[in-house]
C-alpha atoms as a PDB file:
ATOM      1  CA  MET A   1       0.000   0.000   0.000  1.00  0.00           C
ATOM      2  CA  LYS A   2       2.842   2.351   0.883  1.00  0.00           C
ATOM      3  CA  TYR A   3       4.542   1.519  -2.407  1.00  0.00           C
ATOM      4  CA  LEU A   4       1.369   2.387  -4.357  1.00  0.00           C
ATOM      5  CA  PHE A   5       1.016   5.687  -2.485  1.00  0.00           C
ATOM      6  CA  PHE A   6       4.638   6.520  -3.236  1.00  0.00           C
ATOM      7  CA  CYS A   7       4.133   5.823  -6.933  1.00  0.00           C
ATOM      8  CA  VAL A   8       1.063   8.090  -7.114  1.00  0.00           C
ATOM      9  CA  VAL A   9       2.886  10.943  -5.375  1.00  0.00           C
ATOM     10  CA  PHE A  10       5.911  10.452  -7.605  1.00  0.00           C
ATOM     11  CA  VAL A  11       3.866  10.537 -10.795  1.00  0.00           C
ATOM     12  CA  CYS A  12       1.936  13.680  -9.752  1.00  0.00           C
ATOM     13  CA  THR A  13       5.142  15.451  -8.740  1.00  0.00           C
ATOM     14  CA  SER A  14       6.824  14.508 -11.993  1.00  0.00           C
ATOM     15  CA  LEU A  15       3.880  15.766 -14.018  1.00  0.00           C
ATOM     16  CA  PHE A  16       3.973  19.117 -12.227  1.00  0.00           C
ATOM     17  CA  ILE A  17       7.742  19.529 -12.647  1.00  0.00           C
ATOM     18  CA  TYR A  18       7.716  18.617 -16.327  1.00  0.00           C
ATOM     19  CA  ALA A  19       4.766  20.880 -17.003  1.00  0.00           C
ATOM     20  CA  GLN A  20       6.605  23.782 -15.412  1.00  0.00           C
ATOM     21  CA  LYS A  21       9.812  23.095 -17.309  1.00  0.00           C
ATOM     22  CA  ASP A  22       8.375  22.455 -20.751  1.00  0.00           C
ATOM     23  CA  SER A  23       4.848  23.727 -21.333  1.00  0.00           C
ATOM     24  CA  ILE A  24       5.092  23.207 -25.081  1.00  0.00           C
ATOM     25  CA  SER A  25       6.307  19.595 -25.014  1.00  0.00           C
ATOM     26  CA  THR A  26       4.053  17.133 -26.833  1.00  0.00           C
ATOM     27  CA  SER A  27       4.613  14.294 -24.329  1.00  0.00           C
ATOM     28  CA  LEU A  28       5.899  13.439 -20.835  1.00  0.00           C
ATOM     29  CA  LYS A  29       8.461  10.723 -20.164  1.00  0.00           C
ATOM     30  CA  ILE A  30       8.478   9.298 -16.617  1.00  0.00           C
ATOM     31  CA  GLU A  31      10.960   6.729 -15.348  1.00  0.00           C
ATOM     32  CA  LEU A  32       9.724   4.363 -12.637  1.00  0.00           C
ATOM     33  CA  ASN A  33      11.831   2.111 -10.388  1.00  0.00           C
ATOM     34  CA  THR A  34      10.315  -1.314 -10.991  1.00  0.00           C
ATOM     35  CA  SER A  35      12.621  -3.842  -9.283  1.00  0.00           C
ATOM     36  CA  LYS A  36      16.053  -4.200  -7.678  1.00  0.00           C
ATOM     37  CA  TYR A  37      18.748  -6.712  -8.518  1.00  0.00           C
ATOM     38  CA  LYS A  38      22.366  -7.239  -7.448  1.00  0.00           C
ATOM     39  CA  LYS A  39      23.571  -5.444 -10.529  1.00  0.00           C
ATOM     40  CA  GLY A  40      21.437  -2.408  -9.810  1.00  0.00           C
ATOM     41  CA  VAL A  41      17.978  -0.995 -10.416  1.00  0.00           C
ATOM     42  CA  ILE A  42      16.035  -1.843 -13.572  1.00  0.00           C
ATOM     43  CA  LYS A  43      14.079   1.215 -14.724  1.00  0.00           C
ATOM     44  CA  GLU A  44      11.036   1.299 -16.975  1.00  0.00           C
ATOM     45  CA  ALA A  45       9.998   4.465 -18.827  1.00  0.00           C
ATOM     46  CA  ILE A  46       6.425   5.374 -19.692  1.00  0.00           C
ATOM     47  CA  GLU A  47       5.422   8.157 -22.105  1.00  0.00           C
ATOM     48  CA  ILE A  48       2.216  10.151 -21.682  1.00  0.00           C
ATOM     49  CA  PRO A  49       1.072  12.217 -24.727  1.00  0.00           C
ATOM     50  CA  LEU A  50      -0.048  15.776 -24.043  1.00  0.00           C
ATOM     51  CA  ILE A  51      -2.743  17.746 -25.845  1.00  0.00           C
ATOM     52  CA  VAL A  52      -1.339  21.192 -26.531  1.00  0.00           C
ATOM     53  CA  LYS A  53      -3.981  23.808 -27.317  1.00  0.00           C
ATOM     54  CA  PRO A  54      -2.660  26.173 -30.027  1.00  0.00           C
ATOM     55  CA  THR A  55      -2.616  29.834 -29.124  1.00  0.00           C
ATOM     56  CA  LYS A  56      -4.074  32.476 -31.425  1.00  0.00           C
ATOM     57  CA  PRO A  57      -1.542  34.946 -32.833  1.00  0.00           C
ATOM     58  CA  VAL A  58      -1.772  38.385 -31.303  1.00  0.00           C
ATOM     59  CA  VAL A  59      -2.815  40.970 -33.891  1.00  0.00           C
ATOM     60  CA  ASP A  60      -1.520  44.488 -33.250  1.00  0.00           C
ATOM     61  CA  ILE A  61      -4.044  46.621 -35.121  1.00  0.00           C
ATOM     62  CA  LYS A  62      -2.371  49.784 -33.837  1.00  0.00           C
ATOM     63  CA  ALA A  63       0.897  49.016 -35.625  1.00  0.00           C
ATOM     64  CA  ASP A  64      -0.193  50.274 -39.052  1.00  0.00           C
ATOM     65  CA  HIS A  65      -1.234  53.887 -39.762  1.00  0.00           C
ATOM     66  CA  TRP A  66      -2.604  54.485 -36.267  1.00  0.00           C
ATOM     67  CA  ASP A  67      -3.648  58.142 -35.921  1.00  0.00           C
ATOM     68  CA  ASN A  68      -5.954  59.621 -33.281  1.00  0.00           C
ATOM     69  CA  THR A  69      -6.652  62.858 -35.185  1.00  0.00           C
ATOM     70  CA  ASP A  70      -6.689  62.147 -38.932  1.00  0.00           C
ATOM     71  CA  HIS A  71      -9.838  60.399 -40.134  1.00  0.00           C
ATOM     72  CA  HIS A  72      -7.999  59.184 -43.270  1.00  0.00           C
ATOM     73  CA  PRO A  73      -4.444  58.198 -42.231  1.00  0.00           C
ATOM     74  CA  TYR A  74      -3.796  56.041 -45.327  1.00  0.00           C
ATOM     75  CA  HIS A  75      -2.820  58.909 -47.652  1.00  0.00           C
ATOM     76  CA  ASP A  76       0.328  57.127 -48.847  1.00  0.00           C
ATOM     77  CA  PHE A  77      -1.259  53.704 -49.174  1.00  0.00           C
ATOM     78  CA  GLY A  78      -1.978  52.329 -52.644  1.00  0.00           C
ATOM     79  CA  GLN A  79      -4.899  49.939 -52.322  1.00  0.00           C
ATOM     80  CA  LYS A  80      -5.025  46.897 -54.565  1.00  0.00           C
ATOM     81  CA  PHE A  81      -8.258  45.227 -55.654  1.00  0.00           C
ATOM     82  CA  PRO A  82     -10.051  43.026 -54.955  1.00  0.00           C
ATOM     83  CA  LEU A  83      -9.889  43.301 -51.156  1.00  0.00           C
ATOM     84  CA  GLU A  84     -10.095  40.149 -49.061  1.00  0.00           C
ATOM     85  CA  LEU A  85     -11.803  40.329 -45.669  1.00  0.00           C
ATOM     86  CA  PHE A  86     -12.306  37.742 -42.932  1.00  0.00           C
ATOM     87  CA  PHE A  87     -14.770  37.771 -40.035  1.00  0.00           C
ATOM     88  CA  THR A  88     -14.677  35.486 -36.997  1.00  0.00           C
ATOM     89  CA  ASP A  89     -18.371  35.977 -36.215  1.00  0.00           C
ATOM     90  CA  SER A  90     -21.487  35.357 -38.283  1.00  0.00           C
ATOM     91  CA  THR A  91     -23.431  38.241 -36.696  1.00  0.00           C
ATOM     92  CA  TYR A  92     -22.740  41.822 -35.659  1.00  0.00           C
ATOM     93  CA  ALA A  93     -24.246  44.055 -32.982  1.00  0.00           C
ATOM     94  CA  SER A  94     -26.853  46.508 -34.242  1.00  0.00           C
ATOM     95  CA  PRO A  95     -25.500  50.044 -33.729  1.00  0.00           C
ATOM     96  CA  VAL A  96     -28.956  51.140 -32.478  1.00  0.00           C
ATOM     97  CA  SER A  97     -31.357  49.258 -30.214  1.00  0.00           C
ATOM     98  CA  HIS A  98     -34.501  49.921 -32.260  1.00  0.00           C
ATOM     99  CA  LYS A  99     -35.448  48.768 -35.753  1.00  0.00           C
ATOM    100  CA  LYS A 100     -32.873  49.974 -38.269  1.00  0.00           C
ATOM    101  CA  VAL A 101     -34.458  52.329 -40.805  1.00  0.00           C
ATOM    102  CA  ILE A 102     -32.026  53.499 -43.489  1.00  0.00           C
ATOM    103  CA  THR A 103     -32.963  56.970 -44.690  1.00  0.00           C
ATOM    104  CA  SER A 104     -30.065  57.356 -47.142  1.00  0.00           C
ATOM    105  CA  HIS A 105     -27.997  54.585 -48.698  1.00  0.00           C
ATOM    106  CA  TYR A 106     -24.385  54.391 -49.829  1.00  0.00           C
ATOM    107  CA  GLY A 107     -24.072  55.986 -53.258  1.00  0.00           C
ATOM    108  CA  TRP A 108     -24.235  59.105 -55.392  1.00  0.00           C
ATOM    109  CA  ARG A 109     -26.185  61.895 -53.687  1.00  0.00           C
ATOM    110  CA  ARG A 110     -26.696  65.435 -54.995  1.00  0.00           C
ATOM    111  CA  GLY A 111     -23.647  65.136 -57.250  1.00  0.00           C
ATOM    112  CA  ARG A 112     -21.384  63.925 -54.461  1.00  0.00           C
ATOM    113  CA  PRO A 113     -20.424  60.535 -52.995  1.00  0.00           C
ATOM    114  CA  HIS A 114     -22.261  59.493 -49.829  1.00  0.00           C
ATOM    115  CA  ASN A 115     -19.783  56.979 -48.400  1.00  0.00           C
ATOM    116  CA  GLY A 116     -21.999  55.516 -45.705  1.00  0.00           C
ATOM    117  CA  ILE A 117     -25.582  54.881 -44.683  1.00  0.00           C
ATOM    118  CA  ASP A 118     -27.855  57.043 -42.546  1.00  0.00           C
ATOM    119  CA  ILE A 119     -29.842  55.230 -39.845  1.00  0.00           C
ATOM    120  CA  ASP A 120     -32.808  57.018 -38.325  1.00  0.00           C
ATOM    121  CA  LEU A 121     -32.767  57.745 -34.589  1.00  0.00           C
ATOM    122  CA  VAL A 122     -33.849  60.272 -31.971  1.00  0.00           C
ATOM    123  CA  THR A 123     -31.230  62.497 -30.350  1.00  0.00           C
ATOM    124  CA  GLY A 124     -30.120  60.755 -27.162  1.00  0.00           C
ATOM    125  CA  ASP A 125     -30.560  57.192 -28.444  1.00  0.00           C
ATOM    126  CA  SER A 126     -27.678  54.884 -27.514  1.00  0.00           C
ATOM    127  CA  VAL A 127     -25.126  53.969 -30.185  1.00  0.00           C
ATOM    128  CA  VAL A 128     -22.925  50.878 -29.774  1.00  0.00           C
ATOM    129  CA  SER A 129     -19.991  49.286 -31.583  1.00  0.00           C
ATOM    130  CA  ILE A 130     -20.848  46.685 -34.206  1.00  0.00           C
ATOM    131  CA  LEU A 131     -17.730  44.548 -33.485  1.00  0.00           C
ATOM    132  CA  ASP A 132     -14.817  44.218 -31.044  1.00  0.00           C
ATOM    133  CA  GLY A 133     -12.000  46.672 -31.584  1.00  0.00           C
ATOM    134  CA  ILE A 134     -10.014  49.686 -30.406  1.00  0.00           C
ATOM    135  CA  VAL A 135     -11.175  53.303 -30.592  1.00  0.00           C
ATOM    136  CA  ARG A 136      -8.923  55.211 -32.999  1.00  0.00           C
ATOM    137  CA  ILE A 137     -10.767  58.546 -32.990  1.00  0.00           C
ATOM    138  CA  ALA A 138     -13.204  60.059 -30.504  1.00  0.00           C
ATOM    139  CA  LYS A 139     -13.556  63.805 -31.048  1.00  0.00           C
ATOM    140  CA  TYR A 140     -15.435  66.604 -32.804  1.00  0.00           C
ATOM    141  CA  SER A 141     -14.950  66.933 -36.565  1.00  0.00           C
ATOM    142  CA  ASN A 142     -16.436  69.747 -38.694  1.00  0.00           C
ATOM    143  CA  GLY A 143     -18.291  67.502 -41.135  1.00  0.00           C
ATOM    144  CA  PHE A 144     -19.008  64.508 -38.922  1.00  0.00           C
ATOM    145  CA  GLY A 145     -19.700  66.478 -35.738  1.00  0.00           C
ATOM    146  CA  ASN A 146     -19.005  64.305 -32.707  1.00  0.00           C
ATOM    147  CA  VAL A 147     -17.519  61.162 -34.233  1.00  0.00           C
ATOM    148  CA  VAL A 148     -16.101  57.838 -33.058  1.00  0.00           C
ATOM    149  CA  VAL A 149     -13.942  55.635 -35.294  1.00  0.00           C
ATOM    150  CA  VAL A 150     -13.309  52.043 -34.202  1.00  0.00           C
ATOM    151  CA  ARG A 151     -10.696  49.818 -35.821  1.00  0.00           C
ATOM    152  CA  HIS A 152     -11.632  46.145 -35.656  1.00  0.00           C
ATOM    153  CA  PHE A 153      -9.307  43.161 -35.479  1.00  0.00           C
ATOM    154  CA  ASN A 154      -9.700  42.231 -39.161  1.00  0.00           C
ATOM    155  CA  GLY A 155      -8.554  45.718 -40.217  1.00  0.00           C
ATOM    156  CA  LEU A 156     -12.041  47.031 -40.929  1.00  0.00           C
ATOM    157  CA  GLU A 157     -12.950  50.423 -39.450  1.00  0.00           C
ATOM    158  CA  SER A 158     -16.423  51.656 -38.509  1.00  0.00           C
ATOM    159  CA  THR A 159     -17.307  55.345 -38.192  1.00  0.00           C
ATOM    160  CA  TYR A 160     -20.211  56.661 -36.078  1.00  0.00           C
ATOM    161  CA  ALA A 161     -20.956  60.302 -36.897  1.00  0.00           C
ATOM    162  CA  HIS A 162     -23.240  63.179 -35.763  1.00  0.00           C
ATOM    163  CA  LEU A 163     -23.296  61.978 -32.144  1.00  0.00           C
ATOM    164  CA  SER A 164     -24.636  64.285 -29.441  1.00  0.00           C
ATOM    165  CA  TYR A 165     -22.366  62.716 -26.802  1.00  0.00           C
ATOM    166  CA  ILE A 166     -19.155  60.656 -26.882  1.00  0.00           C
ATOM    167  CA  ALA A 167     -18.707  58.098 -24.077  1.00  0.00           C
ATOM    168  CA  VAL A 168     -15.308  56.649 -25.066  1.00  0.00           C
ATOM    169  CA  LYS A 169     -11.829  57.995 -25.697  1.00  0.00           C
ATOM    170  CA  ALA A 170      -9.083  57.223 -28.173  1.00  0.00           C
ATOM    171  CA  ASN A 171      -7.160  53.966 -27.566  1.00  0.00           C
ATOM    172  CA  ASP A 172      -9.973  52.388 -25.518  1.00  0.00           C
ATOM    173  CA  THR A 173     -10.377  48.657 -26.170  1.00  0.00           C
ATOM    174  CA  ILE A 174     -14.043  47.836 -26.576  1.00  0.00           C
ATOM    175  CA  LYS A 175     -16.298  44.839 -27.055  1.00  0.00           C
ATOM    176  CA  ARG A 176     -19.044  44.223 -29.536  1.00  0.00           C
ATOM    177  CA  ALA A 177     -22.263  46.043 -28.494  1.00  0.00           C
ATOM    178  CA  GLN A 178     -20.326  48.291 -26.101  1.00  0.00           C
ATOM    179  CA  TYR A 179     -21.776  51.776 -25.608  1.00  0.00           C
ATOM    180  CA  LEU A 180     -20.019  54.489 -27.643  1.00  0.00           C
ATOM    181  CA  GLY A 181     -22.259  57.486 -27.096  1.00  0.00           C
ATOM    182  CA  LYS A 182     -25.590  59.070 -27.942  1.00  0.00           C
ATOM    183  CA  GLY A 183     -26.978  59.724 -31.401  1.00  0.00           C
ATOM    184  CA  GLY A 184     -27.609  63.291 -32.462  1.00  0.00           C
ATOM    185  CA  ASN A 185     -27.472  65.991 -35.116  1.00  0.00           C
ATOM    186  CA  THR A 186     -23.991  67.535 -34.806  1.00  0.00           C
ATOM    187  CA  GLY A 187     -21.759  68.559 -37.698  1.00  0.00           C
ATOM    188  CA  ASN A 188     -23.056  68.738 -41.257  1.00  0.00           C
ATOM    189  CA  SER A 189     -26.416  67.084 -40.633  1.00  0.00           C
ATOM    190  CA  ARG A 190     -30.001  67.805 -41.662  1.00  0.00           C
ATOM    191  CA  GLY A 191     -31.706  65.993 -38.813  1.00  0.00           C
ATOM    192  CA  SER A 192     -31.030  63.434 -36.092  1.00  0.00           C
ATOM    193  CA  HIS A 193     -29.519  60.267 -37.515  1.00  0.00           C
ATOM    194  CA  LEU A 194     -26.500  57.994 -37.274  1.00  0.00           C
ATOM    195  CA  HIS A 195     -24.139  58.205 -40.219  1.00  0.00           C
ATOM    196  CA  LEU A 196     -22.350  54.842 -40.331  1.00  0.00           C
ATOM    197  CA  GLU A 197     -19.327  54.269 -42.542  1.00  0.00           C
ATOM    198  CA  LEU A 198     -17.164  51.193 -43.088  1.00  0.00           C
ATOM    199  CA  SER A 199     -13.661  51.317 -44.545  1.00  0.00           C
ATOM    200  CA  TYR A 200     -10.580  49.164 -44.964  1.00  0.00           C
ATOM    201  CA  LYS A 201      -7.174  50.855 -45.019  1.00  0.00           C
ATOM    202  CA  GLY A 202      -8.778  54.130 -46.026  1.00  0.00           C
ATOM    203  CA  GLN A 203     -11.011  52.621 -48.724  1.00  0.00           C
ATOM    204  CA  PRO A 204     -14.773  53.127 -48.125  1.00  0.00           C
ATOM    205  CA  ILE A 205     -16.893  49.984 -48.458  1.00  0.00           C
ATOM    206  CA  HIS A 206     -20.641  49.776 -49.034  1.00  0.00           C
ATOM    207  CA  PRO A 207     -21.944  48.764 -45.548  1.00  0.00           C
ATOM    208  CA  GLU A 208     -24.882  46.813 -46.986  1.00  0.00           C
ATOM    209  CA  TYR A 209     -22.494  44.643 -48.988  1.00  0.00           C
ATOM    210  CA  LEU A 210     -20.875  43.343 -45.791  1.00  0.00           C
ATOM    211  CA  PHE A 211     -23.804  43.463 -43.353  1.00  0.00           C
ATOM    212  CA  ASP A 212     -27.501  42.651 -43.563  1.00  0.00           C
ATOM    213  CA  PHE A 213     -29.247  45.586 -41.866  1.00  0.00           C
ATOM    214  CA  SER A 214     -32.454  43.692 -41.192  1.00  0.00           C
ATOM    215  CA  SER A 215     -33.331  42.439 -37.710  1.00  0.00           C
ATOM    216  CA  ASN A 216     -31.158  39.351 -38.339  1.00  0.00           C
ATOM    217  CA  ASN A 217     -27.923  41.333 -37.867  1.00  0.00           C
ATOM    218  CA  LYS A 218     -26.107  38.888 -40.137  1.00  0.00           C
ATOM    219  CA  ILE A 219     -22.597  39.286 -41.505  1.00  0.00           C
ATOM    220  CA  ARG A 220     -23.141  38.247 -45.110  1.00  0.00           C
ATOM    221  CA  SER A 221     -20.054  36.024 -45.271  1.00  0.00           C
ATOM    222  CA  LYS A 222     -17.134  35.166 -42.989  1.00  0.00           C
ATOM    223  CA  HIS A 223     -14.862  35.296 -46.038  1.00  0.00           C
ATOM    224  CA  VAL A 224     -15.672  37.991 -48.560  1.00  0.00           C
ATOM    225  CA  TRP A 225     -13.993  39.624 -51.554  1.00  0.00           C
ATOM    226  CA  VAL A 226     -14.606  43.322 -52.204  1.00  0.00           C
ATOM    227  CA  THR A 227     -14.288  44.710 -55.739  1.00  0.00           C
ATOM    228  CA  GLN A 228     -14.232  48.370 -56.765  1.00  0.00           C
ATOM    229  CA  LYS A 229     -17.978  48.230 -57.434  1.00  0.00           C
ATOM    230  CA  TRP A 230     -18.525  48.056 -53.681  1.00  0.00           C
ATOM    231  CA  THR A 231     -15.998  50.763 -52.796  1.00  0.00           C
ATOM    232  CA  HIS A 232     -17.033  53.595 -55.123  1.00  0.00           C
ATOM    233  CA  ALA A 233     -20.255  55.522 -54.520  1.00  0.00           C
ATOM    234  CA  ARG A 234     -20.636  56.266 -58.246  1.00  0.00           C
ATOM    235  CA  PHE A 235     -21.823  52.695 -58.830  1.00  0.00           C
ATOM    236  CA  HIS A 236     -24.818  53.223 -56.527  1.00  0.00           C
ATOM    237  CA  ASN A 237     -27.745  55.548 -55.894  1.00  0.00           C
ATOM    238  CA  SER A 238     -28.266  56.780 -52.336  1.00  0.00           C
ATOM    239  CA  LYS A 239     -32.034  56.678 -52.807  1.00  0.00           C
ATOM    240  CA  ARG A 240     -32.213  53.019 -53.765  1.00  0.00           C
ATOM    241  CA  VAL A 241     -31.186  49.673 -52.294  1.00  0.00           C
ATOM    242  CA  SER A 242     -28.388  48.128 -54.352  1.00  0.00           C
ATOM    243  CA  LYS A 243     -28.718  44.516 -55.462  1.00  0.00           C
ATOM    244  CA  ILE A 244     -26.311  42.549 -53.314  1.00  0.00           C
ATOM    245  CA  LYS A 245     -24.398  39.521 -54.566  1.00  0.00           C
ATOM    246  CA  VAL A 246     -21.555  38.676 -52.226  1.00  0.00           C
ATOM    247  CA  ILE A 247     -18.330  37.448 -53.839  1.00  0.00           C
ATOM    248  CA  LYS A 248     -16.881  34.531 -51.889  1.00  0.00           C
ATOM    249  CA  SER A 249     -14.049  33.261 -54.089  1.00  0.00           C
ATOM    250  CA  ALA A 250     -10.980  34.670 -55.815  1.00  0.00           C
ATOM    251  CA  ASP A 251     -12.190  33.495 -59.214  1.00  0.00           C
ATOM    252  CA  GLU A 252     -15.508  35.325 -58.815  1.00  0.00           C
ATOM    253  CA  ALA A 253     -13.640  38.427 -57.688  1.00  0.00           C
ATOM    254  CA  ALA A 254     -11.383  38.332 -60.753  1.00  0.00           C
ATOM    255  CA  MET A 255     -14.363  38.098 -63.098  1.00  0.00           C
ATOM    256  CA  ALA A 256     -16.268  40.856 -61.293  1.00  0.00           C
ATOM    257  CA  SER A 257     -13.238  43.164 -61.536  1.00  0.00           C
ATOM    258  CA  LEU A 258     -13.572  43.090 -65.320  1.00  0.00           C
ATOM    259  CA  ALA A 259     -17.034  44.672 -65.146  1.00  0.00           C
ATOM    260  CA  LYS A 260     -17.708  47.749 -67.247  1.00  0.00           C
ATOM    261  CA  GLN A 261     -16.726  51.054 -65.618  1.00  0.00           C
ATOM    262  CA  PRO A 262     -19.256  53.903 -65.407  1.00  0.00           C
ATOM    263  CA  LYS A 263     -18.955  57.059 -67.500  1.00  0.00           C
ATOM    264  CA  PHE A 264     -18.923  60.557 -66.023  1.00  0.00           C
ATOM    265  CA  TYR A 265     -19.402  64.122 -67.093  1.00  0.00           C
ATOM    266  CA  VAL A 266     -17.898  67.062 -65.200  1.00  0.00           C
ATOM    267  CA  VAL A 267     -20.187  70.109 -65.216  1.00  0.00           C
ATOM    268  CA  ARG A 268     -18.721  73.227 -66.858  1.00  0.00           C
ATOM    269  CA  LYS A 269     -19.828  76.834 -66.929  1.00  0.00           C
ATOM    270  CA  GLY A 270     -23.052  77.290 -68.896  1.00  0.00           C
ATOM    271  CA  ASP A 271     -24.042  73.607 -68.822  1.00  0.00           C
ATOM    272  CA  THR A 272     -27.697  72.591 -68.515  1.00  0.00           C
ATOM    273  CA  LEU A 273     -29.284  69.187 -67.991  1.00  0.00           C
ATOM    274  CA  TYR A 274     -30.842  69.395 -71.431  1.00  0.00           C
ATOM    275  CA  GLY A 275     -27.541  70.213 -73.121  1.00  0.00           C
ATOM    276  CA  ILE A 276     -25.630  67.472 -71.262  1.00  0.00           C
ATOM    277  CA  SER A 277     -28.284  64.830 -72.002  1.00  0.00           C
ATOM    278  CA  ARG A 278     -28.439  65.784 -75.711  1.00  0.00           C
ATOM    279  CA  ARG A 279     -24.647  65.657 -76.159  1.00  0.00           C
ATOM    280  CA  ASN A 280     -24.529  62.230 -74.530  1.00  0.00           C
ATOM    281  CA  ASN A 281     -27.539  60.731 -76.329  1.00  0.00           C
ATOM    282  CA  MET A 282     -29.722  60.225 -73.279  1.00  0.00           C
ATOM    283  CA  SER A 283     -32.970  61.697 -71.972  1.00  0.00           C
ATOM    284  CA  VAL A 284     -33.105  64.296 -69.211  1.00  0.00           C
ATOM    285  CA  SER A 285     -35.296  61.968 -67.127  1.00  0.00           C
ATOM    286  CA  ARG A 286     -32.745  59.173 -67.388  1.00  0.00           C
ATOM    287  CA  LEU A 287     -29.902  61.550 -66.483  1.00  0.00           C
ATOM    288  CA  CYS A 288     -31.879  62.736 -63.443  1.00  0.00           C
ATOM    289  CA  LYS A 289     -32.798  59.220 -62.336  1.00  0.00           C
ATOM    290  CA  THR A 290     -29.211  57.960 -62.602  1.00  0.00           C
ATOM    291  CA  ASN A 291     -27.933  60.843 -60.472  1.00  0.00           C
ATOM    292  CA  ALA A 292     -30.851  60.991 -58.006  1.00  0.00           C
ATOM    293  CA  ILE A 293     -31.664  64.609 -58.940  1.00  0.00           C
ATOM    294  CA  ASN A 294     -34.661  66.355 -60.545  1.00  0.00           C
ATOM    295  CA  GLN A 295     -35.013  68.674 -63.543  1.00  0.00           C
ATOM    296  CA  ASN A 296     -34.981  71.759 -61.299  1.00  0.00           C
ATOM    297  CA  THR A 297     -31.692  70.852 -59.597  1.00  0.00           C
ATOM    298  CA  THR A 298     -29.081  73.612 -59.848  1.00  0.00           C
ATOM    299  CA  LEU A 299     -25.851  72.337 -61.379  1.00  0.00           C
ATOM    300  CA  LYS A 300     -22.502  73.353 -59.894  1.00  0.00           C
ATOM    301  CA  ILE A 301     -19.276  73.827 -61.846  1.00  0.00           C
ATOM    302  CA  GLY A 302     -17.025  70.817 -61.204  1.00  0.00           C
ATOM    303  CA  GLN A 303     -19.946  68.598 -60.213  1.00  0.00           C
ATOM    304  CA  LYS A 304     -19.698  65.012 -61.514  1.00  0.00           C
ATOM    305  CA  LEU A 305     -22.699  63.476 -63.214  1.00  0.00           C
ATOM    306  CA  VAL A 306     -22.932  59.755 -63.883  1.00  0.00           C
ATOM    307  CA  LEU A 307     -23.834  59.114 -67.515  1.00  0.00           C
ATOM    308  CA  GLU A 308     -23.854  55.330 -67.470  1.00  0.00           C
ATOM    309  CA  LEU A 309     -23.662  52.718 -64.727  1.00  0.00           C
END
């Protein structure tokens, strides 16, 4: 009985010592004294395999173009297409607690790009982060008003603009659905709403291409390819929902990248909608519909009009 007790204590002690010395070893070798003879002690070795749980690599998302003041720090970065994005979750946290009503989509709006979506809310409504990440910007900006920018661990950034109150500060690590502040009407805004933008290394991405903004809160794909069609507002109309077809393979992305590019016209002094439409063999109504304007819209010199999508 004493011998059995000794063996148990010896084995436990050996396991502890070996675990302390070599935490990444794949097995333990333990030598036991089995019997004694005149010539000495005969030893028997037993080997116990260990299950080593792999550790996830630590991603330092602050190592590349981290700036707490500049909303677009990737000025010197030449983006290549298509972009490849990965998500670890299949759902995201809704930025607002109520039903998400999009009042303006990603796309061309009044002759300018609208690089996000506007979600209806009442001033004072809570706004939360859609994914885990680190706050890169939390300050007042002339156009965005009170704005929070969160960089997520896959490199994606989300921007929450026109807030009435900011509850976080730059460099805060936050969790999905964590409170960021209160919605509002600050900055260049025509009413209380949340302006939500998504970008990757400075390149805007159509939010509805990545996320389903219904009550399901689904991320459309854990592995997604993003072509230029989903990064340029000129391909879309802010007044309409774009038809979404998520690209999930490199081959699909390569084919989609060959899609026809839209044509533009830059407004010059003396231009009228009638004159532009006639010179480009299209009707005024079609020109207005493509650019989400009406026949009474005042044209501005330098304004870009989409002629063909």
